[in-house]
Amino acid sequence: MCHFITLVAPSVDAEAVRAVMERHGRTASPIDNPSVRKMLLDGEHQYLTTSGHCDCGTALVPALGPSDAVEEAAAKDVARLKRKGWSDAKIARAAEDRRRADARPGKEAPDSIELWNAVLEGLGKELDLPYAGVLVAFYSGAVATESLVVTRRDVRNGTSRSDALGSINQNELTIFPLARSGLG
C-alpha cells in the first residue's frame, strides 16, 4: 500500500538512465508492468526510480489524502492477512501501526519538484532524449504485476515544467518534452 514513481523513457540504455538518476539521488531499475506497458509507444521503456522503501509522501502528488483507492487497498490488505490466518485483533493492530506511521509529523518528502526538474533536464541534455514520462502510482501489491488503470497526458511545449510536475495526477503517465543537447 505505497506510492512508487516510474520513469518512462525512449531509451534502451538502462545503465545511462540509471547513471543520470543516481546523480539525483534516485535509481532506475528496468521494470515491465503490463498495465503501464499498454500506455507506452514503441521504443519506450519503464524504470522504477524508488531508491528507498517507497515514494509515499512524494512532492509530485502532495494533495493525496485518504481516498477510495487507499481504502480499497486497505481492504485488500485485510483480506490478504485474513487468508494468512491473522486474527482480527492482530490485523487491527497492524492497520493502526500503519496509519500512525503514515501520519507521523515531520516526515520529509522523498523528493521535490526541483529534484524532478533537474532529473528531466539531465535526461534531456545528457542522454539527448526528446521526452520522458513520470508516473506516480499507488500499489497494494507487486509493482511489476499489479493491474492499474493508467492514463497518459502530454505536456505541451512552452508549459512550465514546474507547473506540470505540480499537476501530476495519481496513475497518470505525464510526458514532458525535454531540452536536448543538440548532439544527436
Protein backbone atom coordinates (compact mmCIF):
# COMPACT_ATOMS: atom_id res chain seq x y z
CA MET A 1 0.00 0.00 0.00
CA CYS A 2 2.52 2.57 -1.19
CA HIS A 3 3.26 5.08 -3.92
CA PHE A 4 6.04 4.31 -6.39
CA ILE A 5 7.40 6.54 -9.16
CA THR A 6 8.14 5.09 -12.58
CA LEU A 7 10.14 6.88 -15.25
CA VAL A 8 9.28 6.20 -18.88
CA ALA A 9 11.98 6.99 -21.43
CA PRO A 10 12.65 6.21 -25.09
CA SER A 11 15.99 4.64 -24.20
CA VAL A 12 17.13 1.03 -24.02
CA ASP A 13 20.38 2.08 -22.32
CA ALA A 14 19.35 1.28 -18.76
CA GLU A 15 22.87 1.98 -17.44
CA ALA A 16 22.90 5.50 -18.88
CA VAL A 17 19.43 6.23 -17.49
CA ARG A 18 20.48 4.82 -14.10
CA ALA A 19 23.63 6.99 -14.06
CA VAL A 20 21.61 10.17 -14.60
CA MET A 21 19.08 9.15 -11.96
CA GLU A 22 21.77 8.27 -9.41
CA ARG A 23 23.33 11.73 -9.81
CA HIS A 24 19.98 13.00 -8.48
CA GLY A 25 19.66 10.53 -5.61
CA ARG A 26 17.26 8.19 -7.41
CA THR A 27 17.70 4.92 -9.25
CA ALA A 28 16.40 3.45 -12.50
CA SER A 29 15.66 -0.26 -12.45
CA PRO A 30 14.03 -1.67 -15.58
CA ILE A 31 10.51 -2.90 -14.90
CA ASP A 32 7.71 -4.16 -17.13
CA ASN A 33 4.29 -3.67 -15.55
CA PRO A 34 1.72 -4.84 -18.14
CA SER A 35 -0.79 -2.11 -17.18
CA VAL A 36 1.79 0.61 -17.77
CA ARG A 37 3.08 -1.11 -20.93
CA LYS A 38 -0.37 -0.61 -22.52
CA MET A 39 0.23 3.17 -22.42
CA LEU A 40 3.72 3.07 -23.95
CA LEU A 41 4.69 3.88 -27.51
CA ASP A 42 7.17 1.76 -29.46
CA GLY A 43 10.67 2.21 -28.06
CA GLU A 44 9.57 3.42 -24.62
CA HIS A 45 10.76 1.61 -21.50
CA GLN A 46 9.78 1.67 -17.81
CA TYR A 47 12.24 2.29 -14.98
CA LEU A 48 11.33 2.13 -11.30
CA THR A 49 13.01 5.14 -9.67
CA THR A 50 12.41 4.40 -5.99
CA SER A 51 15.66 4.34 -4.06
CA GLY A 52 14.17 3.62 -0.62
CA HIS A 53 11.24 1.60 0.64
CA CYS A 54 8.62 3.57 -1.34
CA ASP A 55 7.75 7.06 -2.58
CA CYS A 56 4.96 7.78 -0.11
CA GLY A 57 4.89 11.50 0.62
CA THR A 58 6.26 12.44 -2.81
CA ALA A 59 6.06 16.13 -3.70
CA LEU A 60 4.57 15.11 -7.06
CA VAL A 61 1.15 14.25 -5.58
CA PRO A 62 1.09 16.10 -2.24
CA ALA A 63 -2.66 16.65 -2.16
CA LEU A 64 -3.38 12.94 -1.88
CA GLY A 65 -5.02 12.00 1.33
CA PRO A 66 -7.26 9.08 2.22
CA SER A 67 -9.07 8.14 -0.96
CA ASP A 68 -11.19 5.37 -2.33
CA ALA A 69 -8.03 3.79 -3.75
CA VAL A 70 -6.33 3.86 -0.35
CA GLU A 71 -9.40 2.44 1.37
CA GLU A 72 -9.75 -0.25 -1.31
CA ALA A 73 -6.08 -1.17 -0.91
CA ALA A 74 -6.52 -1.37 2.86
CA ALA A 75 -9.50 -3.69 2.42
CA LYS A 76 -7.45 -5.91 0.09
CA ASP A 77 -4.65 -5.97 2.65
CA VAL A 78 -7.09 -7.03 5.40
CA ALA A 79 -8.45 -9.83 3.20
CA ARG A 80 -4.90 -10.99 2.42
CA LEU A 81 -3.96 -11.07 6.10
CA LYS A 82 -7.14 -12.99 6.94
CA ARG A 83 -6.24 -15.58 4.30
CA LYS A 84 -2.87 -15.90 6.02
CA GLY A 85 -4.70 -16.75 9.24
CA TRP A 86 -4.16 -13.49 11.13
CA SER A 87 -6.66 -12.75 13.93
CA ASP A 88 -8.92 -9.69 13.73
CA ALA A 89 -7.08 -8.14 16.69
CA LYS A 90 -3.67 -8.63 15.04
CA ILE A 91 -4.96 -7.16 11.76
CA ALA A 92 -6.40 -4.15 13.62
CA ARG A 93 -3.06 -3.54 15.37
CA ALA A 94 -1.15 -3.77 12.09
CA ALA A 95 -3.57 -1.34 10.39
CA GLU A 96 -3.31 1.11 13.29
CA ASP A 97 0.50 0.90 13.25
CA ARG A 98 0.50 1.62 9.51
CA ARG A 99 -1.91 4.56 9.95
CA ARG A 100 0.30 6.04 12.69
CA ALA A 101 3.45 5.63 10.60
CA ASP A 102 1.82 7.30 7.59
CA ALA A 103 0.54 10.20 9.74
CA ARG A 104 3.85 10.80 11.54
CA PRO A 105 4.52 14.56 11.56
CA GLY A 106 7.74 15.88 10.15
CA LYS A 107 8.05 13.02 7.68
CA GLU A 108 10.23 14.53 4.98
CA ALA A 109 9.19 14.15 1.36
CA PRO A 110 11.45 11.72 -0.53
CA ASP A 111 11.80 14.22 -3.37
CA SER A 112 10.87 17.70 -4.59
CA ILE A 113 9.61 19.47 -7.69
CA GLU A 114 13.14 20.90 -8.05
CA LEU A 115 14.67 17.42 -7.98
CA TRP A 116 12.37 16.16 -10.74
CA ASN A 117 13.03 19.32 -12.77
CA ALA A 118 16.76 18.55 -12.54
CA VAL A 119 16.19 14.86 -13.38
CA LEU A 120 14.26 15.75 -16.55
CA GLU A 121 16.85 18.39 -17.50
CA GLY A 122 19.61 15.80 -17.09
CA LEU A 123 17.82 13.16 -19.13
CA GLY A 124 17.31 15.61 -21.99
CA LYS A 125 20.78 17.08 -22.05
CA GLU A 126 22.93 14.09 -21.03
CA LEU A 127 21.10 11.37 -22.98
CA ASP A 128 19.70 13.58 -25.74
CA LEU A 129 16.18 12.29 -25.10
CA PRO A 130 13.35 14.22 -26.78
CA TYR A 131 10.95 13.48 -23.90
CA ALA A 132 10.46 11.45 -20.73
CA GLY A 133 7.45 10.47 -18.67
CA VAL A 134 6.75 10.29 -14.95
CA LEU A 135 4.11 8.04 -13.40
CA VAL A 136 3.15 8.14 -9.71
CA ALA A 137 1.02 5.11 -8.90
CA PHE A 138 -0.43 3.63 -5.73
CA TYR A 139 0.25 -0.08 -5.40
CA SER A 140 -1.25 -2.53 -2.93
CA GLY A 141 0.64 -5.49 -4.38
CA ALA A 142 3.70 -6.19 -6.52
CA VAL A 143 4.83 -3.18 -8.55
CA ALA A 144 5.80 -5.32 -11.55
CA THR A 145 2.48 -7.15 -11.84
CA GLU A 146 -0.32 -5.14 -10.21
CA SER A 147 -3.17 -4.23 -12.51
CA LEU A 148 -3.69 -0.46 -12.74
CA VAL A 149 -5.81 1.91 -14.77
CA VAL A 150 -3.23 4.28 -16.24
CA THR A 151 -3.88 7.35 -18.39
CA ARG A 152 -1.38 9.31 -20.49
CA ARG A 153 -1.02 13.09 -20.73
CA ASP A 154 1.41 15.00 -22.92
CA VAL A 155 2.63 18.33 -21.53
CA ARG A 156 2.66 20.97 -24.25
CA ASN A 157 5.87 22.71 -25.28
CA GLY A 158 6.05 26.07 -23.54
CA THR A 159 4.27 24.84 -20.40
CA SER A 160 6.22 25.48 -17.22
CA ARG A 161 7.79 22.16 -16.24
CA SER A 162 7.40 23.00 -12.53
CA ASP A 163 3.69 23.70 -13.02
CA ALA A 164 3.27 20.45 -14.96
CA LEU A 165 5.17 18.48 -12.29
CA GLY A 166 2.91 20.03 -9.67
CA SER A 167 -0.20 18.98 -11.57
CA ILE A 168 0.58 15.27 -11.96
CA ASN A 169 -2.36 13.05 -11.09
CA GLN A 170 -2.03 9.64 -9.49
CA ASN A 171 -1.90 6.84 -12.13
CA GLU A 172 -1.32 9.39 -14.91
CA LEU A 173 1.75 8.93 -17.11
CA THR A 174 2.78 12.54 -17.71
CA ILE A 175 5.06 13.04 -20.72
CA PHE A 176 7.44 16.01 -20.63
CA PRO A 177 9.20 17.46 -23.71
CA LEU A 178 12.92 17.82 -22.94
CA ALA A 179 15.57 20.32 -23.95
CA ARG A 180 18.12 18.29 -25.85
CA SER A 181 21.87 18.76 -26.08
CA GLY A 182 21.75 19.14 -29.83
CA LEU A 183 24.39 16.43 -30.26
CA GLY A 184 22.09 13.89 -31.89
